[in-house]
């Protein structure tokens, strides 16, 4: 077995070990703490129903995959699955639309907080007796719509 075949075999075989016994109805005690991250839970339960597949990688490719997986806190096999099954990438226009909606929500939240603080200050001023009542004309003249 050559070095690249050996590394491909290690990548496919050693990384597929997962706590499959959690999902099998064999009477084995479940773990003390269930990892609730959806990707890990899915991988744990689906590992019993999957078939292993191996791919041949050059050492440089294997290092790059391992580095990218480590940056995301995943095993190389989980990283490959996530990238391969991710679907089409999000377009730049969709990203800008998402950013626009987040900015609008943030602006609305800041405006609400500002209104609440101004209202609280006006109420405290009123309670302290330092404000006077406005006539209807003065009130309507002060509204900015």
Foldseek 3Di string as FASTA:
>chain_A
DDPQVVVQCCLQPVQLDDQLVQQDPPPDDHDPDDDPDVLNVVSSPCSVVDDTDTDGDDPVRVVVLCVVQVVVVHRSVSSVVCVVPVDDDDDPVVVVVVVVVVVVVVVVVVVVVVVVVVVVVVVVCVVVVNDDDDDPVVVVVPDDD
